[in-house]
Amino acid sequence: MSRSAFLDLARPSRRHWLGYLLLLPAVLLIGLIIAYPLFVSVDLSFQNVGIPRLDQPRRPFTTMNYERLFTSPEFWNASWTTLKLVVIVSFFCFLLGLGTALLVNNRFKGQSLARLLVALPWAVPEVVAVVVFAWIFDSSFGLMNWVFIRLGLVDTTISWFSSPEAAFAVVCVTMIWKGYPFVSIMMLAGLQSIPEDFYNAARVDGANAWQRLINITLPSLMPVLGVTLILVMLWVFRDFSIIYVMTGGGPLKATQTLSIMTYEQAFGFFKMGYASAIGVVTLIICVIASRLLMGRAPENI
């Protein structure tokens, strides 16, 4: 583009065209890496295809993948497992995250170090966290069994990854440890934005710590809480690496979520059409859940 043409676009009456032109590369990139793969996935979900190839003709349109999906007990079991995981992990992430944020928001010696330690699990790669917790819950020489035996809580070692309930609990603990620092960081940022005058006025009126928390802190944090809840739930909903590396979806599919099921169908059984249908349904569920949460969140989010 010549200099005169650029200056012509910079005129106040045509400045909006300059903005569109500057945004065009980003829009094209988003369309290339997000919109096109999404279109291909939706298209594959309506085809009975195994491994797709660029040189093969398009298969006939069919709804067989969705019919099979909604009549599959495995899909409903994965949906129920995903829902349980989202509810449990999100609840405890918020409980621990808000508690640690309130703690490190106070002024004390070593506050900077405490904040660093709170955020440290979020910086650890998920695979590294899985390896650490796999050692902690190892049935033969794991730390957790040693602690339980020393405290007299159990007489023999627990096979954490052989029992469906125990394996699900281990996955929940790992994801909570990995996810609560993000909530802490978001809550701490929200706490820093609350004016100190609010608390001073409440103390003058005789409000105790619990009353200040209920009437000042939580209402002021509602915008941050709403956004953080959506982000945490979407992270738990789509997380793959923690579950796959730790349990692979077992035992007896006790930890098989929709993301694990999608991977198994696509790269384990090479049913790309069926896996695409699972992915499309998962995407729709995430969009609906996010929209419902945004609709119930405060207007100033």
Protein backbone atom coordinates (compact mmCIF):
# COMPACT_ATOMS: atom_id res chain seq x y z
CA MET A 1 0.00 0.00 0.00
CA SER A 2 1.37 3.41 -1.00
CA ARG A 3 1.88 6.21 1.50
CA SER A 4 -0.83 8.35 -0.09
CA ALA A 5 -3.36 5.52 0.10
CA PHE A 6 -2.48 4.93 3.75
CA LEU A 7 -2.91 8.65 4.54
CA ASP A 8 -6.23 8.62 2.70
CA LEU A 9 -7.43 5.79 4.96
CA ALA A 10 -6.21 7.72 8.01
CA ARG A 11 -8.74 10.49 7.43
CA PRO A 12 -11.39 10.76 10.20
CA SER A 13 -14.21 9.89 7.78
CA ARG A 14 -12.46 6.68 6.68
CA ARG A 15 -10.62 5.74 9.85
CA HIS A 16 -12.88 2.75 10.51
CA TRP A 17 -11.69 1.18 7.23
CA LEU A 18 -8.11 1.47 8.49
CA GLY A 19 -9.13 -0.41 11.64
CA TYR A 20 -10.72 -3.19 9.56
CA LEU A 21 -7.58 -3.40 7.43
CA LEU A 22 -5.32 -3.75 10.47
CA LEU A 23 -7.59 -6.43 11.93
CA LEU A 24 -7.72 -8.42 8.70
CA PRO A 25 -4.54 -10.54 9.33
CA ALA A 26 -5.78 -11.55 12.79
CA VAL A 27 -9.23 -12.43 11.41
CA LEU A 28 -7.70 -14.55 8.65
CA LEU A 29 -5.45 -16.32 11.17
CA ILE A 30 -8.38 -17.07 13.48
CA GLY A 31 -10.37 -18.38 10.54
CA LEU A 32 -7.47 -20.61 9.52
CA ILE A 33 -6.71 -22.16 12.91
CA ILE A 34 -10.19 -22.16 14.51
CA ALA A 35 -13.07 -21.73 12.06
CA TYR A 36 -11.82 -24.08 9.33
CA PRO A 37 -10.97 -27.03 11.65
CA LEU A 38 -14.34 -26.55 13.36
CA PHE A 39 -16.11 -26.66 9.98
CA VAL A 40 -14.19 -29.82 9.04
CA SER A 41 -15.11 -31.46 12.37
CA VAL A 42 -18.81 -30.70 11.92
CA ASP A 43 -18.66 -32.00 8.35
CA LEU A 44 -16.91 -35.22 9.42
CA SER A 45 -19.48 -35.80 12.15
CA PHE A 46 -22.11 -36.31 9.43
CA GLN A 47 -20.02 -38.89 7.57
CA ASN A 48 -19.29 -42.52 8.29
CA VAL A 49 -15.54 -42.18 7.89
CA GLY A 50 -12.55 -43.84 9.53
CA ILE A 51 -9.28 -42.11 8.67
CA PRO A 52 -10.04 -39.09 6.44
CA ARG A 53 -7.86 -38.41 3.40
CA LEU A 54 -7.70 -35.34 1.21
CA ASP A 55 -7.83 -37.36 -2.02
CA GLN A 56 -10.86 -39.47 -1.12
CA PRO A 57 -14.39 -38.42 -2.16
CA ARG A 58 -16.80 -37.10 0.42
CA ARG A 59 -18.91 -39.78 2.06
CA PRO A 60 -22.74 -39.56 1.92
CA PHE A 61 -24.50 -37.40 4.49
CA THR A 62 -25.72 -39.40 7.49
CA THR A 63 -26.84 -38.89 11.07
CA MET A 64 -25.73 -42.37 12.09
CA ASN A 65 -22.91 -41.06 14.30
CA TYR A 66 -25.29 -38.96 16.40
CA GLU A 67 -27.88 -41.74 16.58
CA ARG A 68 -25.23 -44.13 17.81
CA LEU A 69 -23.85 -41.53 20.20
CA PHE A 70 -27.10 -40.74 22.01
CA THR A 71 -27.97 -44.41 22.38
CA SER A 72 -24.52 -45.37 23.67
CA PRO A 73 -24.21 -46.13 27.41
CA GLU A 74 -20.52 -45.26 27.14
CA PHE A 75 -21.37 -41.69 26.08
CA TRP A 76 -23.78 -41.16 28.97
CA ASN A 77 -21.29 -42.66 31.41
CA ALA A 78 -18.58 -40.30 30.11
CA SER A 79 -20.99 -37.36 30.38
CA TRP A 80 -21.83 -38.26 33.98
CA THR A 81 -18.14 -38.64 34.85
CA THR A 82 -17.37 -35.28 33.24
CA LEU A 83 -20.20 -33.60 35.16
CA LYS A 84 -19.01 -35.04 38.49
CA LEU A 85 -15.46 -33.97 37.78
CA VAL A 86 -16.51 -30.44 36.84
CA VAL A 87 -18.65 -29.96 39.95
CA ILE A 88 -16.18 -31.44 42.46
CA VAL A 89 -13.02 -29.86 41.06
CA SER A 90 -14.62 -26.44 40.51
CA PHE A 91 -16.09 -26.38 44.03
CA PHE A 92 -12.84 -27.23 45.82
CA CYS A 93 -10.76 -25.03 43.52
CA PHE A 94 -12.93 -22.08 44.50
CA LEU A 95 -12.90 -23.03 48.18
CA LEU A 96 -9.11 -23.33 48.33
CA GLY A 97 -8.49 -20.50 45.90
CA LEU A 98 -10.61 -17.99 47.81
CA GLY A 99 -9.13 -19.09 51.14
CA THR A 100 -5.53 -18.75 50.01
CA ALA A 101 -6.27 -15.43 48.29
CA LEU A 102 -7.73 -14.02 51.53
CA LEU A 103 -4.69 -15.33 53.40
CA VAL A 104 -1.97 -13.87 51.16
CA ASN A 105 -3.89 -10.61 50.77
CA ASN A 106 -3.03 -9.78 54.39
CA ARG A 107 0.21 -8.04 55.20
CA PHE A 108 2.71 -10.24 57.01
CA LYS A 109 6.37 -11.10 56.90
CA GLY A 110 7.12 -13.31 53.92
CA GLN A 111 4.00 -12.24 52.01
CA SER A 112 5.80 -12.19 48.65
CA LEU A 113 7.16 -15.70 49.19
CA ALA A 114 3.71 -16.96 50.20
CA ARG A 115 2.18 -15.54 47.03
CA LEU A 116 4.89 -17.22 44.96
CA LEU A 117 4.26 -20.58 46.62
CA VAL A 118 0.50 -20.26 46.03
CA ALA A 119 1.01 -19.64 42.31
CA LEU A 120 3.70 -22.32 41.91
CA PRO A 121 1.40 -25.31 41.14
CA TRP A 122 -0.17 -23.39 38.25
CA ALA A 123 3.28 -22.97 36.66
CA VAL A 124 4.11 -26.69 36.90
CA PRO A 125 3.40 -28.56 33.62
CA GLU A 126 0.45 -30.92 33.87
CA VAL A 127 2.49 -34.00 32.95
CA VAL A 128 5.02 -33.22 35.71
CA ALA A 129 2.18 -32.81 38.21
CA VAL A 130 0.74 -36.17 37.14
CA VAL A 131 4.09 -37.91 37.62
CA VAL A 132 4.44 -36.45 41.12
CA PHE A 133 0.92 -37.47 42.18
CA ALA A 134 1.30 -40.90 40.58
CA TRP A 135 4.28 -41.44 42.90
CA ILE A 136 2.42 -40.05 45.92
CA PHE A 137 -0.50 -42.44 45.35
CA ASP A 138 1.56 -45.43 44.24
CA SER A 139 0.18 -48.61 45.83
CA SER A 140 3.61 -50.11 46.62
CA PHE A 141 5.85 -47.25 47.81
CA GLY A 142 3.64 -44.16 47.62
CA LEU A 143 3.74 -41.42 50.24
CA MET A 144 -0.03 -41.39 50.82
CA ASN A 145 -0.21 -45.05 51.81
CA TRP A 146 2.75 -44.57 54.17
CA VAL A 147 1.03 -41.61 55.86
CA PHE A 148 -2.28 -43.47 56.21
CA ILE A 149 -0.56 -46.51 57.73
CA ARG A 150 1.50 -44.38 60.14
CA LEU A 151 -1.65 -42.57 61.29
CA GLY A 152 -3.47 -45.87 61.77
CA LEU A 153 -6.19 -45.05 59.26
CA VAL A 154 -5.62 -48.25 57.26
CA ASP A 155 -3.95 -51.59 57.93
CA THR A 156 -2.87 -52.43 54.38
CA THR A 157 -1.89 -50.38 51.36
CA ILE A 158 -4.64 -49.02 49.11
CA SER A 159 -4.56 -49.79 45.40
CA TRP A 160 -5.44 -46.28 44.30
CA PHE A 161 -5.44 -46.95 40.57
CA SER A 162 -7.23 -50.32 40.71
CA SER A 163 -10.43 -49.12 42.38
CA PRO A 164 -12.81 -46.95 40.30
CA GLU A 165 -13.72 -44.74 43.26
CA ALA A 166 -10.11 -44.33 44.41
CA ALA A 167 -8.85 -43.56 40.91
CA PHE A 168 -11.53 -40.93 40.44
CA ALA A 169 -10.59 -39.36 43.78
CA VAL A 170 -6.89 -39.25 42.80
CA VAL A 171 -7.75 -37.50 39.53
CA CYS A 172 -9.88 -34.97 41.42
CA VAL A 173 -7.09 -34.27 43.91
CA THR A 174 -4.54 -33.78 41.13
CA MET A 175 -6.77 -31.41 39.19
CA ILE A 176 -7.67 -29.43 42.32
CA TRP A 177 -3.99 -28.99 43.19
CA LYS A 178 -3.26 -27.91 39.63
CA GLY A 179 -6.25 -25.59 39.26
CA TYR A 180 -6.76 -23.76 42.56
CA PRO A 181 -3.75 -21.39 42.11
CA PHE A 182 -5.47 -19.85 39.08
CA VAL A 183 -8.49 -19.10 41.24
CA SER A 184 -6.21 -17.66 43.92
CA ILE A 185 -4.54 -15.33 41.43
CA MET A 186 -7.88 -14.12 40.06
CA MET A 187 -9.35 -13.66 43.54
CA LEU A 188 -6.26 -11.82 44.75
CA ALA A 189 -6.53 -9.43 41.82
CA GLY A 190 -10.16 -8.82 42.74
CA LEU A 191 -9.32 -8.27 46.41
CA GLN A 192 -6.69 -5.70 45.50
CA SER A 193 -9.36 -3.67 43.69
CA ILE A 194 -11.68 -3.36 46.72
CA PRO A 195 -11.21 0.06 48.39
CA GLU A 196 -9.88 -0.12 51.94
CA ASP A 197 -12.40 2.55 52.93
CA PHE A 198 -15.17 -0.05 52.70
CA TYR A 199 -13.54 -2.17 55.42
CA ASN A 200 -12.69 0.84 57.59
CA ALA A 201 -16.31 2.00 57.51
CA ALA A 202 -17.50 -1.52 58.36
CA ARG A 203 -15.13 -1.71 61.34
CA VAL A 204 -16.44 1.63 62.60
CA ASP A 205 -19.98 0.23 62.38
CA GLY A 206 -18.88 -2.78 64.46
CA ALA A 207 -18.85 -5.45 61.70
CA ASN A 208 -16.75 -8.51 62.50
CA ALA A 209 -14.54 -10.41 60.03
CA TRP A 210 -17.32 -12.76 58.93
CA GLN A 211 -19.76 -9.90 58.32
CA ARG A 212 -17.14 -8.02 56.30
CA LEU A 213 -16.55 -11.14 54.20
CA ILE A 214 -20.26 -11.69 53.50
CA ASN A 215 -21.33 -8.09 52.99
CA ILE A 216 -18.26 -6.52 51.36
CA THR A 217 -15.73 -9.02 50.04
CA LEU A 218 -17.96 -11.55 48.30
CA PRO A 219 -20.34 -9.01 46.66
CA SER A 220 -17.34 -7.04 45.41
CA LEU A 221 -15.77 -10.21 44.00
CA MET A 222 -18.87 -11.39 42.13
CA PRO A 223 -17.74 -10.11 38.69
CA VAL A 224 -14.36 -11.86 39.09
CA LEU A 225 -16.02 -14.97 40.52
CA GLY A 226 -18.32 -15.27 37.52
CA VAL A 227 -15.56 -15.08 34.93
CA THR A 228 -13.25 -17.37 36.93
CA LEU A 229 -16.00 -19.96 37.36
CA ILE A 230 -16.54 -20.13 33.61
CA LEU A 231 -12.81 -20.47 32.88
CA VAL A 232 -12.26 -23.16 35.53
CA MET A 233 -15.27 -25.20 34.45
CA LEU A 234 -14.21 -25.08 30.81
CA TRP A 235 -10.67 -26.11 31.78
CA VAL A 236 -11.92 -29.12 33.76
CA PHE A 237 -14.41 -30.00 31.03
CA ARG A 238 -11.83 -30.19 28.27
CA ASP A 239 -8.74 -31.31 30.22
CA PHE A 240 -7.11 -34.35 28.68
CA SER A 241 -3.48 -34.74 29.71
CA ILE A 242 -3.98 -35.21 33.47
CA ILE A 243 -6.55 -37.98 33.10
CA TYR A 244 -4.91 -39.71 30.14
CA VAL A 245 -1.43 -39.85 31.65
CA MET A 246 -2.64 -40.83 35.12
CA THR A 247 -5.38 -43.40 34.44
CA GLY A 248 -6.04 -43.49 30.70
CA GLY A 249 -9.76 -43.30 31.49
CA GLY A 250 -9.78 -46.42 33.68
CA PRO A 251 -10.26 -48.49 35.66
CA LEU A 252 -13.55 -49.71 34.20
CA LYS A 253 -13.99 -46.29 32.52
CA ALA A 254 -14.38 -44.66 35.93
CA THR A 255 -12.34 -41.65 34.81
CA GLN A 256 -13.33 -41.62 31.14
CA THR A 257 -14.50 -38.10 30.30
CA LEU A 258 -15.80 -36.82 26.98
CA SER A 259 -12.33 -35.65 25.97
CA ILE A 260 -10.83 -39.09 26.70
CA MET A 261 -13.66 -40.78 24.80
CA THR A 262 -13.09 -38.50 21.81
CA TYR A 263 -9.39 -39.36 21.74
CA GLU A 264 -10.01 -43.10 22.05
CA GLN A 265 -12.54 -43.17 19.23
CA ALA A 266 -10.37 -41.02 16.95
CA PHE A 267 -6.89 -42.43 17.53
CA GLY A 268 -7.61 -45.75 19.23
CA PHE A 269 -10.37 -47.11 16.97
CA PHE A 270 -9.82 -44.68 14.04
CA LYS A 271 -13.49 -43.68 13.88
CA MET A 272 -13.01 -40.03 12.99
CA GLY A 273 -16.65 -39.43 12.10
CA TYR A 274 -17.90 -40.76 15.42
CA ALA A 275 -15.16 -38.91 17.34
CA SER A 276 -16.09 -35.69 15.54
CA ALA A 277 -19.69 -36.14 16.63
CA ILE A 278 -18.55 -36.47 20.25
CA GLY A 279 -16.42 -33.34 19.85
CA VAL A 280 -19.30 -31.35 18.36
CA VAL A 281 -21.64 -32.37 21.18
CA THR A 282 -18.96 -31.46 23.73
CA LEU A 283 -18.55 -28.05 22.11
CA ILE A 284 -22.31 -27.43 22.20
CA ILE A 285 -22.46 -28.37 25.88
CA CYS A 286 -19.59 -25.99 26.68
CA VAL A 287 -21.22 -23.14 24.76
CA ILE A 288 -24.59 -23.65 26.46
CA ALA A 289 -23.02 -23.91 29.92
CA SER A 290 -20.94 -20.77 29.35
CA ARG A 291 -23.97 -18.86 28.08
CA LEU A 292 -26.06 -19.89 31.07
CA LEU A 293 -23.32 -18.87 33.49
CA MET A 294 -22.81 -15.55 31.74
CA GLY A 295 -26.56 -14.95 31.84
CA ARG A 296 -26.66 -15.50 35.59
CA ALA A 297 -23.50 -13.50 36.26
CA PRO A 298 -23.60 -9.85 37.29
CA GLU A 299 -24.12 -7.32 34.49
CA ASN A 300 -20.75 -5.67 35.03
CA ILE A 301 -18.76 -8.76 34.02
